[in-house]
């Protein structure tokens, strides 16, 4: 990971996961990444990141969400990836949604939900 893409101090052990999950900018990209990942990869990400969520959130709370410095933005995007990994680990016990074709996409349109 280049210096421009480095994580904040203290979170360096998450760099291998940030190189994958931190570069994804949308929920759809994270959703598709989960489908492409193996359970071993998802477990490694989950096991390294989930226990540190409070620490991650405490760190990010020191910054305005609309102006995160790049290291913090990378950490934030990496933490967002955990939502997808957690679905595979805690709910599906597999990377994909059961009984759904692989790969498939899902779009959440907030303005259409009422």
PDB file of N, CA and C in Angstrom:
ATOM      1  N   UNK A   1       0.840  -1.167   0.000  1.00  0.00           N
ATOM      2  CA  UNK A   1       0.000   0.000   0.000  1.00  0.00           C
ATOM      3  C   UNK A   1       0.893   1.240   0.000  1.00  0.00           C
ATOM      4  N   UNK A   2       0.624   2.184  -0.866  1.00  0.00           N
ATOM      5  CA  UNK A   2       1.461   3.368  -0.935  1.00  0.00           C
ATOM      6  C   UNK A   2       1.165   4.290   0.229  1.00  0.00           C
ATOM      7  N   UNK A   3       2.043   5.253   0.429  1.00  0.00           N
ATOM      8  CA  UNK A   3       1.862   6.197   1.533  1.00  0.00           C
ATOM      9  C   UNK A   3       0.538   6.942   1.418  1.00  0.00           C
ATOM     10  N   UNK A   4       0.121   7.269   0.172  1.00  0.00           N
ATOM     11  CA  UNK A   4      -1.139   7.976  -0.036  1.00  0.00           C
ATOM     12  C   UNK A   4      -2.334   7.107   0.348  1.00  0.00           C
ATOM     13  N   UNK A   5      -2.129   5.802   0.423  1.00  0.00           N
ATOM     14  CA  UNK A   5      -3.218   4.880   0.740  1.00  0.00           C
ATOM     15  C   UNK A   5      -3.028   4.222   2.100  1.00  0.00           C
ATOM     16  N   UNK A   6      -2.221   4.815   2.961  1.00  0.00           N
ATOM     17  CA  UNK A   6      -1.941   4.184   4.247  1.00  0.00           C
ATOM     18  C   UNK A   6      -3.072   4.418   5.237  1.00  0.00           C
ATOM     19  N   UNK A   7      -3.187   3.496   6.164  1.00  0.00           N
ATOM     20  CA  UNK A   7      -4.170   3.599   7.236  1.00  0.00           C
ATOM     21  C   UNK A   7      -3.619   4.456   8.366  1.00  0.00           C
ATOM     22  N   UNK A   8      -4.475   4.958   9.231  1.00  0.00           N
ATOM     23  CA  UNK A   8      -3.992   5.724  10.383  1.00  0.00           C
ATOM     24  C   UNK A   8      -3.103   4.852  11.280  1.00  0.00           C
ATOM     25  N   UNK A   9      -2.237   5.495  12.012  1.00  0.00           N
ATOM     26  CA  UNK A   9      -1.355   4.788  12.944  1.00  0.00           C
ATOM     27  C   UNK A   9      -2.181   3.930  13.891  1.00  0.00           C
ATOM     28  N   UNK A  10      -1.701   2.731  14.122  1.00  0.00           N
ATOM     29  CA  UNK A  10      -2.377   1.797  15.000  1.00  0.00           C
ATOM     30  C   UNK A  10      -3.279   0.814  14.283  1.00  0.00           C
ATOM     31  N   UNK A  11      -3.539   1.069  13.023  1.00  0.00           N
ATOM     32  CA  UNK A  11      -4.429   0.194  12.253  1.00  0.00           C
ATOM     33  C   UNK A  11      -3.688  -0.496  11.097  1.00  0.00           C
ATOM     34  N   UNK A  12      -2.378  -0.500  11.167  1.00  0.00           N
ATOM     35  CA  UNK A  12      -1.572  -1.059  10.069  1.00  0.00           C
ATOM     36  C   UNK A  12      -1.871  -2.532   9.809  1.00  0.00           C
ATOM     37  N   UNK A  13      -2.271  -3.275  10.837  1.00  0.00           N
ATOM     38  CA  UNK A  13      -2.528  -4.706  10.628  1.00  0.00           C
ATOM     39  C   UNK A  13      -3.743  -4.944   9.728  1.00  0.00           C
ATOM     40  N   UNK A  14      -4.537  -3.924   9.485  1.00  0.00           N
ATOM     41  CA  UNK A  14      -5.692  -4.050   8.596  1.00  0.00           C
ATOM     42  C   UNK A  14      -5.353  -3.725   7.146  1.00  0.00           C
ATOM     43  N   UNK A  15      -4.092  -3.402   6.869  1.00  0.00           N
ATOM     44  CA  UNK A  15      -3.677  -3.013   5.524  1.00  0.00           C
ATOM     45  C   UNK A  15      -4.009  -4.051   4.448  1.00  0.00           C
ATOM     46  N   UNK A  16      -3.811  -5.355   4.676  1.00  0.00           N
ATOM     47  CA  UNK A  16      -4.172  -6.314   3.622  1.00  0.00           C
ATOM     48  C   UNK A  16      -5.657  -6.266   3.264  1.00  0.00           C
ATOM     49  N   UNK A  17      -6.494  -5.971   4.234  1.00  0.00           N
ATOM     50  CA  UNK A  17      -7.931  -5.906   3.993  1.00  0.00           C
ATOM     51  C   UNK A  17      -8.316  -4.563   3.374  1.00  0.00           C
ATOM     52  N   UNK A  18      -7.625  -3.504   3.781  1.00  0.00           N
ATOM     53  CA  UNK A  18      -7.868  -2.185   3.199  1.00  0.00           C
ATOM     54  C   UNK A  18      -7.494  -2.174   1.718  1.00  0.00           C
ATOM     55  N   UNK A  19      -6.497  -2.957   1.348  1.00  0.00           N
ATOM     56  CA  UNK A  19      -6.093  -3.028  -0.060  1.00  0.00           C
ATOM     57  C   UNK A  19      -7.213  -3.595  -0.925  1.00  0.00           C
ATOM     58  N   UNK A  20      -8.094  -4.371  -0.340  1.00  0.00           N
ATOM     59  CA  UNK A  20      -9.221  -4.948  -1.077  1.00  0.00           C
ATOM     60  C   UNK A  20     -10.501  -4.159  -0.806  1.00  0.00           C
ATOM     61  N   UNK A  21     -10.923  -4.151   0.449  1.00  0.00           N
ATOM     62  CA  UNK A  21     -12.213  -3.575   0.822  1.00  0.00           C
ATOM     63  C   UNK A  21     -12.186  -2.049   0.869  1.00  0.00           C
ATOM     64  N   UNK A  22     -11.064  -1.464   1.187  1.00  0.00           N
ATOM     65  CA  UNK A  22     -10.978  -0.009   1.310  1.00  0.00           C
ATOM     66  C   UNK A  22     -11.009   0.724  -0.004  1.00  0.00           C
ATOM     67  N   UNK A  23     -10.766   0.033  -1.100  1.00  0.00           N
ATOM     68  CA  UNK A  23     -10.798   0.693  -2.404  1.00  0.00           C
ATOM     69  C   UNK A  23     -12.197   0.694  -3.013  1.00  0.00           C
ATOM     70  N   UNK A  24     -13.131  -0.014  -2.376  1.00  0.00           N
ATOM     71  CA  UNK A  24     -14.489  -0.113  -2.906  1.00  0.00           C
ATOM     72  C   UNK A  24     -15.320   1.075  -2.450  1.00  0.00           C
ATOM     73  N   UNK A  25     -15.956   1.747  -3.384  1.00  0.00           N
ATOM     74  CA  UNK A  25     -16.644   2.985  -3.065  1.00  0.00           C
ATOM     75  C   UNK A  25     -18.151   2.885  -2.913  1.00  0.00           C
ATOM     76  N   UNK A  26     -18.724   1.733  -3.232  1.00  0.00           N
ATOM     77  CA  UNK A  26     -20.181   1.631  -3.135  1.00  0.00           C
ATOM     78  C   UNK A  26     -20.590   0.329  -2.461  1.00  0.00           C
ATOM     79  N   UNK A  27     -21.826   0.309  -1.992  1.00  0.00           N
ATOM     80  CA  UNK A  27     -22.363  -0.890  -1.371  1.00  0.00           C
ATOM     81  C   UNK A  27     -22.418  -2.018  -2.390  1.00  0.00           C
ATOM     82  N   UNK A  28     -22.760  -1.721  -3.622  1.00  0.00           N
ATOM     83  CA  UNK A  28     -22.821  -2.754  -4.659  1.00  0.00           C
ATOM     84  C   UNK A  28     -21.446  -3.385  -4.895  1.00  0.00           C
ATOM     85  N   UNK A  29     -20.403  -2.578  -4.918  1.00  0.00           N
ATOM     86  CA  UNK A  29     -19.049  -3.120  -5.086  1.00  0.00           C
ATOM     87  C   UNK A  29     -18.674  -4.031  -3.925  1.00  0.00           C
ATOM     88  N   UNK A  30     -19.032  -3.629  -2.694  1.00  0.00           N
ATOM     89  CA  UNK A  30     -18.752  -4.476  -1.531  1.00  0.00           C
ATOM     90  C   UNK A  30     -19.553  -5.775  -1.589  1.00  0.00           C
ATOM     91  N   UNK A  31     -20.789  -5.696  -2.022  1.00  0.00           N
ATOM     92  CA  UNK A  31     -21.666  -6.856  -2.160  1.00  0.00           C
ATOM     93  C   UNK A  31     -21.063  -7.861  -3.153  1.00  0.00           C
ATOM     94  N   UNK A  32     -20.598  -7.364  -4.288  1.00  0.00           N
ATOM     95  CA  UNK A  32     -19.983  -8.238  -5.291  1.00  0.00           C
ATOM     96  C   UNK A  32     -18.645  -8.789  -4.807  1.00  0.00           C
ATOM     97  N   UNK A  33     -17.887  -7.995  -4.057  1.00  0.00           N
ATOM     98  CA  UNK A  33     -16.617  -8.478  -3.504  1.00  0.00           C
ATOM     99  C   UNK A  33     -16.858  -9.648  -2.560  1.00  0.00           C
ATOM    100  N   UNK A  34     -17.887  -9.556  -1.737  1.00  0.00           N
ATOM    101  CA  UNK A  34     -18.212 -10.672  -0.847  1.00  0.00           C
ATOM    102  C   UNK A  34     -18.464 -11.936  -1.664  1.00  0.00           C
ATOM    103  N   UNK A  35     -19.200 -11.830  -2.749  1.00  0.00           N
ATOM    104  CA  UNK A  35     -19.515 -12.989  -3.580  1.00  0.00           C
ATOM    105  C   UNK A  35     -18.261 -13.588  -4.216  1.00  0.00           C
ATOM    106  N   UNK A  36     -17.284 -12.751  -4.526  1.00  0.00           N
ATOM    107  CA  UNK A  36     -16.032 -13.226  -5.151  1.00  0.00           C
ATOM    108  C   UNK A  36     -15.049 -13.796  -4.138  1.00  0.00           C
ATOM    109  N   UNK A  37     -15.259 -13.526  -2.861  1.00  0.00           N
ATOM    110  CA  UNK A  37     -14.317 -13.929  -1.818  1.00  0.00           C
ATOM    111  C   UNK A  37     -14.566 -15.361  -1.367  1.00  0.00           C
ATOM    112  N   UNK A  38     -13.521 -15.980  -0.851  1.00  0.00           N
ATOM    113  CA  UNK A  38     -13.674 -17.298  -0.245  1.00  0.00           C
ATOM    114  C   UNK A  38     -14.064 -17.119   1.215  1.00  0.00           C
ATOM    115  N   UNK A  39     -14.591 -18.168   1.815  1.00  0.00           N
ATOM    116  CA  UNK A  39     -14.925 -18.086   3.238  1.00  0.00           C
ATOM    117  C   UNK A  39     -13.661 -17.877   4.070  1.00  0.00           C
ATOM    118  N   UNK A  40     -12.545 -18.457   3.670  1.00  0.00           N
ATOM    119  CA  UNK A  40     -11.296 -18.245   4.403  1.00  0.00           C
ATOM    120  C   UNK A  40     -10.900 -16.767   4.378  1.00  0.00           C
ATOM    121  N   UNK A  41     -11.031 -16.128   3.221  1.00  0.00           N
ATOM    122  CA  UNK A  41     -10.715 -14.698   3.118  1.00  0.00           C
ATOM    123  C   UNK A  41     -11.673 -13.864   3.970  1.00  0.00           C
ATOM    124  N   UNK A  42     -12.947 -14.196   3.908  1.00  0.00           N
ATOM    125  CA  UNK A  42     -13.937 -13.455   4.683  1.00  0.00           C
ATOM    126  C   UNK A  42     -13.728 -13.638   6.182  1.00  0.00           C
ATOM    127  N   UNK A  43     -13.398 -14.862   6.603  1.00  0.00           N
ATOM    128  CA  UNK A  43     -13.122 -15.113   8.028  1.00  0.00           C
ATOM    129  C   UNK A  43     -11.898 -14.326   8.494  1.00  0.00           C
ATOM    130  N   UNK A  44     -10.855 -14.298   7.674  1.00  0.00           N
ATOM    131  CA  UNK A  44      -9.645 -13.555   8.051  1.00  0.00           C
ATOM    132  C   UNK A  44      -9.968 -12.067   8.227  1.00  0.00           C
ATOM    133  N   UNK A  45     -10.716 -11.506   7.296  1.00  0.00           N
ATOM    134  CA  UNK A  45     -11.117 -10.097   7.374  1.00  0.00           C
ATOM    135  C   UNK A  45     -11.989  -9.859   8.602  1.00  0.00           C
ATOM    136  N   UNK A  46     -12.985 -10.678   8.790  1.00  0.00           N
ATOM    137  CA  UNK A  46     -13.908 -10.559   9.917  1.00  0.00           C
ATOM    138  C   UNK A  46     -13.162 -10.678  11.248  1.00  0.00           C
ATOM    139  N   UNK A  47     -12.330 -11.694  11.366  1.00  0.00           N
ATOM    140  CA  UNK A  47     -11.612 -11.940  12.624  1.00  0.00           C
ATOM    141  C   UNK A  47     -10.641 -10.819  12.982  1.00  0.00           C
ATOM    142  N   UNK A  48     -10.075 -10.165  11.969  1.00  0.00           N
ATOM    143  CA  UNK A  48      -9.137  -9.075  12.229  1.00  0.00           C
ATOM    144  C   UNK A  48      -9.845  -7.747  12.499  1.00  0.00           C
ATOM    145  N   UNK A  49     -11.006  -7.552  11.891  1.00  0.00           N
ATOM    146  CA  UNK A  49     -11.652  -6.239  11.929  1.00  0.00           C
ATOM    147  C   UNK A  49     -12.770  -6.131  12.958  1.00  0.00           C
ATOM    148  N   UNK A  50     -13.603  -7.126  13.070  1.00  0.00           N
ATOM    149  CA  UNK A  50     -14.770  -7.048  13.965  1.00  0.00           C
ATOM    150  C   UNK A  50     -14.400  -6.714  15.414  1.00  0.00           C
ATOM    151  N   UNK A  51     -13.358  -7.332  15.977  1.00  0.00           N
ATOM    152  CA  UNK A  51     -13.029  -7.006  17.368  1.00  0.00           C
ATOM    153  C   UNK A  51     -12.539  -5.565  17.557  1.00  0.00           C
ATOM    154  N   UNK A  52     -12.197  -4.900  16.472  1.00  0.00           N
ATOM    155  CA  UNK A  52     -11.662  -3.540  16.559  1.00  0.00           C
ATOM    156  C   UNK A  52     -12.676  -2.466  16.178  1.00  0.00           C
ATOM    157  N   UNK A  53     -13.930  -2.849  15.949  1.00  0.00           N
ATOM    158  CA  UNK A  53     -14.916  -1.862  15.497  1.00  0.00           C
ATOM    159  C   UNK A  53     -15.061  -0.689  16.449  1.00  0.00           C
ATOM    160  N   UNK A  54     -15.142  -0.936  17.742  1.00  0.00           N
ATOM    161  CA  UNK A  54     -15.264   0.191  18.682  1.00  0.00           C
ATOM    162  C   UNK A  54     -14.058   1.112  18.592  1.00  0.00           C
ATOM    163  N   UNK A  55     -12.890   0.533  18.478  1.00  0.00           N
ATOM    164  CA  UNK A  55     -11.662   1.331  18.332  1.00  0.00           C
ATOM    165  C   UNK A  55     -11.686   2.129  17.026  1.00  0.00           C
ATOM    166  N   UNK A  56     -12.134   1.492  15.958  1.00  0.00           N
ATOM    167  CA  UNK A  56     -12.234   2.173  14.654  1.00  0.00           C
ATOM    168  C   UNK A  56     -13.210   3.339  14.755  1.00  0.00           C
ATOM    169  N   UNK A  57     -14.403   3.087  15.322  1.00  0.00           N
ATOM    170  CA  UNK A  57     -15.405   4.146  15.428  1.00  0.00           C
ATOM    171  C   UNK A  57     -14.932   5.266  16.343  1.00  0.00           C
ATOM    172  N   UNK A  58     -14.283   4.926  17.449  1.00  0.00           N
ATOM    173  CA  UNK A  58     -13.754   5.955  18.342  1.00  0.00           C
ATOM    174  C   UNK A  58     -12.754   6.834  17.604  1.00  0.00           C
ATOM    175  N   UNK A  59     -11.900   6.224  16.794  1.00  0.00           N
ATOM    176  CA  UNK A  59     -10.920   6.994  16.023  1.00  0.00           C
ATOM    177  C   UNK A  59     -11.623   7.893  15.012  1.00  0.00           C
ATOM    178  N   UNK A  60     -12.567   7.333  14.270  1.00  0.00           N
ATOM    179  CA  UNK A  60     -13.241   8.103  13.215  1.00  0.00           C
ATOM    180  C   UNK A  60     -14.122   9.208  13.777  1.00  0.00           C
ATOM    181  N   UNK A  61     -14.634   9.037  14.987  1.00  0.00           N
ATOM    182  CA  UNK A  61     -15.481  10.056  15.606  1.00  0.00           C
ATOM    183  C   UNK A  61     -14.746  11.375  15.839  1.00  0.00           C
ATOM    184  N   UNK A  62     -13.434  11.358  15.792  1.00  0.00           N
ATOM    185  CA  UNK A  62     -12.644  12.579  15.994  1.00  0.00           C
ATOM    186  C   UNK A  62     -12.601  13.453  14.740  1.00  0.00           C
ATOM    187  N   UNK A  63     -13.204  12.983  13.641  1.00  0.00           N
ATOM    188  CA  UNK A  63     -13.147  13.699  12.366  1.00  0.00           C
ATOM    189  C   UNK A  63     -14.557  13.944  11.844  1.00  0.00           C
ATOM    190  N   UNK A  64     -14.733  15.028  11.074  1.00  0.00           N
ATOM    191  CA  UNK A  64     -16.044  15.239  10.443  1.00  0.00           C
ATOM    192  C   UNK A  64     -16.232  14.222   9.303  1.00  0.00           C
ATOM    193  N   UNK A  65     -17.408  13.615   9.221  1.00  0.00           N
ATOM    194  CA  UNK A  65     -17.643  12.590   8.207  1.00  0.00           C
ATOM    195  C   UNK A  65     -17.566  13.140   6.789  1.00  0.00           C
ATOM    196  N   UNK A  66     -17.866  14.404   6.618  1.00  0.00           N
ATOM    197  CA  UNK A  66     -17.819  14.972   5.265  1.00  0.00           C
ATOM    198  C   UNK A  66     -16.433  15.499   4.905  1.00  0.00           C
ATOM    199  N   UNK A  67     -15.447  15.271   5.785  1.00  0.00           N
ATOM    200  CA  UNK A  67     -14.097  15.741   5.494  1.00  0.00           C
ATOM    201  C   UNK A  67     -13.025  14.835   6.068  1.00  0.00           C
ATOM    202  N   UNK A  68     -13.216  13.529   5.930  1.00  0.00           N
ATOM    203  CA  UNK A  68     -12.222  12.591   6.469  1.00  0.00           C
ATOM    204  C   UNK A  68     -10.906  12.709   5.717  1.00  0.00           C
ATOM    205  N   UNK A  69      -9.788  12.787   6.420  1.00  0.00           N
ATOM    206  CA  UNK A  69      -8.491  12.688   5.742  1.00  0.00           C
ATOM    207  C   UNK A  69      -8.410  11.314   5.063  1.00  0.00           C
ATOM    208  N   UNK A  70      -7.597  11.191   4.044  1.00  0.00           N
ATOM    209  CA  UNK A  70      -7.555   9.947   3.269  1.00  0.00           C
ATOM    210  C   UNK A  70      -7.264   8.704   4.117  1.00  0.00           C
ATOM    211  N   UNK A  71      -6.330   8.728   5.067  1.00  0.00           N
ATOM    212  CA  UNK A  71      -6.133   7.512   5.873  1.00  0.00           C
ATOM    213  C   UNK A  71      -7.402   7.095   6.622  1.00  0.00           C
ATOM    214  N   UNK A  72      -8.127   8.074   7.143  1.00  0.00           N
ATOM    215  CA  UNK A  72      -9.363   7.770   7.861  1.00  0.00           C
ATOM    216  C   UNK A  72     -10.464   7.333   6.897  1.00  0.00           C
ATOM    217  N   UNK A  73     -10.510   7.927   5.715  1.00  0.00           N
ATOM    218  CA  UNK A  73     -11.497   7.511   4.708  1.00  0.00           C
ATOM    219  C   UNK A  73     -11.249   6.062   4.292  1.00  0.00           C
ATOM    220  N   UNK A  74      -9.976   5.688   4.168  1.00  0.00           N
ATOM    221  CA  UNK A  74      -9.632   4.310   3.833  1.00  0.00           C
ATOM    222  C   UNK A  74     -10.061   3.363   4.950  1.00  0.00           C
ATOM    223  N   UNK A  75      -9.837   3.765   6.186  1.00  0.00           N
ATOM    224  CA  UNK A  75     -10.262   2.959   7.328  1.00  0.00           C
ATOM    225  C   UNK A  75     -11.787   2.832   7.353  1.00  0.00           C
ATOM    226  N   UNK A  76     -12.488   3.908   7.080  1.00  0.00           N
ATOM    227  CA  UNK A  76     -13.950   3.907   7.049  1.00  0.00           C
ATOM    228  C   UNK A  76     -14.478   2.958   5.974  1.00  0.00           C
ATOM    229  N   UNK A  77     -13.937   3.052   4.761  1.00  0.00           N
ATOM    230  CA  UNK A  77     -14.377   2.168   3.673  1.00  0.00           C
ATOM    231  C   UNK A  77     -14.084   0.711   3.996  1.00  0.00           C
ATOM    232  N   UNK A  78     -12.952   0.462   4.658  1.00  0.00           N
ATOM    233  CA  UNK A  78     -12.611  -0.902   5.074  1.00  0.00           C
ATOM    234  C   UNK A  78     -13.634  -1.417   6.079  1.00  0.00           C
ATOM    235  N   UNK A  79     -13.994  -0.591   7.045  1.00  0.00           N
ATOM    236  CA  UNK A  79     -14.995  -0.984   8.042  1.00  0.00           C
ATOM    237  C   UNK A  79     -16.355  -1.227   7.399  1.00  0.00           C
ATOM    238  N   UNK A  80     -16.699  -0.452   6.383  1.00  0.00           N
ATOM    239  CA  UNK A  80     -17.958  -0.694   5.671  1.00  0.00           C
ATOM    240  C   UNK A  80     -17.969  -2.083   5.026  1.00  0.00           C
ATOM    241  N   UNK A  81     -16.811  -2.529   4.567  1.00  0.00           N
ATOM    242  CA  UNK A  81     -16.728  -3.866   3.982  1.00  0.00           C
ATOM    243  C   UNK A  81     -17.077  -4.956   4.970  1.00  0.00           C
ATOM    244  N   UNK A  82     -16.870  -4.672   6.239  1.00  0.00           N
ATOM    245  CA  UNK A  82     -17.171  -5.667   7.262  1.00  0.00           C
ATOM    246  C   UNK A  82     -18.659  -6.001   7.294  1.00  0.00           C
ATOM    247  N   UNK A  83     -19.528  -5.076   6.894  1.00  0.00           N
ATOM    248  CA  UNK A  83     -20.958  -5.382   6.875  1.00  0.00           C
ATOM    249  C   UNK A  83     -21.250  -6.540   5.933  1.00  0.00           C
ATOM    250  N   UNK A  84     -20.546  -6.599   4.830  1.00  0.00           N
ATOM    251  CA  UNK A  84     -20.738  -7.698   3.879  1.00  0.00           C
ATOM    252  C   UNK A  84     -20.110  -8.985   4.393  1.00  0.00           C
ATOM    253  N   UNK A  85     -18.913  -8.897   4.924  1.00  0.00           N
ATOM    254  CA  UNK A  85     -18.260 -10.096   5.464  1.00  0.00           C
ATOM    255  C   UNK A  85     -19.092 -10.690   6.591  1.00  0.00           C
ATOM    256  N   UNK A  86     -19.663  -9.830   7.425  1.00  0.00           N
ATOM    257  CA  UNK A  86     -20.464 -10.309   8.549  1.00  0.00           C
ATOM    258  C   UNK A  86     -21.693 -11.071   8.071  1.00  0.00           C
ATOM    259  N   UNK A  87     -22.293 -10.647   6.984  1.00  0.00           N
ATOM    260  CA  UNK A  87     -23.446 -11.380   6.445  1.00  0.00           C
ATOM    261  C   UNK A  87     -23.043 -12.802   6.070  1.00  0.00           C
ATOM    262  N   UNK A  88     -21.895 -12.946   5.436  1.00  0.00           N
ATOM    263  CA  UNK A  88     -21.421 -14.276   5.045  1.00  0.00           C
ATOM    264  C   UNK A  88     -21.098 -15.131   6.259  1.00  0.00           C
ATOM    265  N   UNK A  89     -20.463 -14.551   7.259  1.00  0.00           N
ATOM    266  CA  UNK A  89     -20.022 -15.292   8.441  1.00  0.00           C
ATOM    267  C   UNK A  89     -21.187 -15.575   9.391  1.00  0.00           C
ATOM    268  N   UNK A  90     -21.967 -14.555   9.686  1.00  0.00           N
ATOM    269  CA  UNK A  90     -22.984 -14.667  10.736  1.00  0.00           C
ATOM    270  C   UNK A  90     -24.338 -15.169  10.247  1.00  0.00           C
ATOM    271  N   UNK A  91     -24.635 -14.989   8.961  1.00  0.00           N
ATOM    272  CA  UNK A  91     -25.977 -15.308   8.472  1.00  0.00           C
ATOM    273  C   UNK A  91     -25.974 -16.447   7.457  1.00  0.00           C
ATOM    274  N   UNK A  92     -25.227 -16.298   6.369  1.00  0.00           N
ATOM    275  CA  UNK A  92     -25.315 -17.239   5.256  1.00  0.00           C
ATOM    276  C   UNK A  92     -24.403 -18.452   5.376  1.00  0.00           C
ATOM    277  N   UNK A  93     -23.300 -18.310   6.101  1.00  0.00           N
ATOM    278  CA  UNK A  93     -22.253 -19.341   6.162  1.00  0.00           C
ATOM    279  C   UNK A  93     -21.723 -19.695   4.776  1.00  0.00           C
ATOM    280  N   UNK A  94     -21.726 -18.713   3.923  1.00  0.00           N
ATOM    281  CA  UNK A  94     -21.176 -18.811   2.571  1.00  0.00           C
ATOM    282  C   UNK A  94     -21.108 -17.397   1.999  1.00  0.00           C
ATOM    283  N   UNK A  95     -20.267 -17.168   0.991  1.00  0.00           N
ATOM    284  CA  UNK A  95     -20.123 -15.817   0.455  1.00  0.00           C
ATOM    285  C   UNK A  95     -21.365 -15.281  -0.256  1.00  0.00           C
ATOM    286  N   UNK A  96     -22.136 -16.160  -0.860  1.00  0.00           N
ATOM    287  CA  UNK A  96     -23.287 -15.733  -1.655  1.00  0.00           C
ATOM    288  C   UNK A  96     -24.585 -15.915  -0.894  1.00  0.00           C
ATOM    289  N   UNK A  97     -25.603 -15.242  -1.366  1.00  0.00           N
ATOM    290  CA  UNK A  97     -26.939 -15.417  -0.819  1.00  0.00           C
ATOM    291  C   UNK A  97     -27.424 -16.804  -1.240  1.00  0.00           C
ATOM    292  N   UNK A  98     -27.881 -17.612  -0.293  1.00  0.00           N
ATOM    293  CA  UNK A  98     -28.344 -18.953  -0.653  1.00  0.00           C
ATOM    294  C   UNK A  98     -29.450 -18.906  -1.718  1.00  0.00           C
ATOM    295  N   UNK A  99     -29.364 -19.820  -2.655  1.00  0.00           N
ATOM    296  CA  UNK A  99     -30.364 -20.007  -3.720  1.00  0.00           C
ATOM    297  C   UNK A  99     -30.438 -18.841  -4.693  1.00  0.00           C
ATOM    298  N   UNK A 100     -29.437 -17.986  -4.697  1.00  0.00           N
ATOM    299  CA  UNK A 100     -29.386 -16.890  -5.655  1.00  0.00           C
ATOM    300  C   UNK A 100     -28.283 -17.190  -6.667  1.00  0.00           C
ATOM    301  N   UNK A 101     -28.477 -16.810  -7.925  1.00  0.00           N
ATOM    302  CA  UNK A 101     -27.435 -17.071  -8.933  1.00  0.00           C
ATOM    303  C   UNK A 101     -26.172 -16.288  -8.614  1.00  0.00           C
ATOM    304  N   UNK A 102     -25.041 -16.805  -9.029  1.00  0.00           N
ATOM    305  CA  UNK A 102     -23.760 -16.135  -8.815  1.00  0.00           C
ATOM    306  C   UNK A 102     -23.219 -15.690 -10.161  1.00  0.00           C
ATOM    307  N   UNK A 103     -22.660 -14.515 -10.275  1.00  0.00           N
ATOM    308  CA  UNK A 103     -22.835 -13.387  -9.352  1.00  0.00           C
ATOM    309  C   UNK A 103     -24.157 -12.690  -9.643  1.00  0.00           C
ATOM    310  N   UNK A 104     -24.632 -11.974  -8.696  1.00  0.00           N
ATOM    311  CA  UNK A 104     -25.803 -11.147  -8.924  1.00  0.00           C
ATOM    312  C   UNK A 104     -25.589  -9.825  -8.188  1.00  0.00           C
ATOM    313  N   UNK A 105     -26.329  -8.828  -8.596  1.00  0.00           N
ATOM    314  CA  UNK A 105     -26.188  -7.497  -8.002  1.00  0.00           C
ATOM    315  C   UNK A 105     -27.476  -7.128  -7.285  1.00  0.00           C
ATOM    316  N   UNK A 106     -27.337  -6.165  -6.407  1.00  0.00           N
ATOM    317  CA  UNK A 106     -28.471  -5.653  -5.669  1.00  0.00           C
ATOM    318  C   UNK A 106     -28.290  -4.146  -5.571  1.00  0.00           C
ATOM    319  N   UNK A 107     -29.351  -3.428  -5.759  1.00  0.00           N
ATOM    320  CA  UNK A 107     -29.283  -1.971  -5.644  1.00  0.00           C
ATOM    321  C   UNK A 107     -30.279  -1.505  -4.599  1.00  0.00           C
ATOM    322  N   UNK A 108     -29.814  -0.673  -3.694  1.00  0.00           N
ATOM    323  CA  UNK A 108     -30.690  -0.072  -2.694  1.00  0.00           C
ATOM    324  C   UNK A 108     -30.931   1.360  -3.122  1.00  0.00           C
ATOM    325  N   UNK A 109     -32.157   1.687  -3.331  1.00  0.00           N
ATOM    326  CA  UNK A 109     -32.528   3.037  -3.757  1.00  0.00           C
ATOM    327  C   UNK A 109     -33.346   3.668  -2.637  1.00  0.00           C
ATOM    328  N   UNK A 110     -32.671   4.463  -1.822  1.00  0.00           N
ATOM    329  CA  UNK A 110     -33.305   5.043  -0.639  1.00  0.00           C
ATOM    330  C   UNK A 110     -34.475   5.933  -0.992  1.00  0.00           C
ATOM    331  N   UNK A 111     -34.385   6.657  -2.084  1.00  0.00           N
ATOM    332  CA  UNK A 111     -35.462   7.590  -2.441  1.00  0.00           C
ATOM    333  C   UNK A 111     -36.725   6.852  -2.894  1.00  0.00           C
ATOM    334  N   UNK A 112     -36.641   5.557  -3.158  1.00  0.00           N
ATOM    335  CA  UNK A 112     -37.811   4.782  -3.569  1.00  0.00           C
ATOM    336  C   UNK A 112     -38.459   4.044  -2.395  1.00  0.00           C
ATOM    337  N   UNK A 113     -37.816   4.053  -1.234  1.00  0.00           N
ATOM    338  CA  UNK A 113     -38.351   3.387  -0.066  1.00  0.00           C
ATOM    339  C   UNK A 113     -39.243   4.370   0.683  1.00  0.00           C
ATOM    340  N   UNK A 114     -40.463   4.010   0.892  1.00  0.00           N
ATOM    341  CA  UNK A 114     -41.384   4.897   1.613  1.00  0.00           C
ATOM    342  C   UNK A 114     -42.347   4.076   2.407  1.00  0.00           C
TER     343      UNK A 114
END
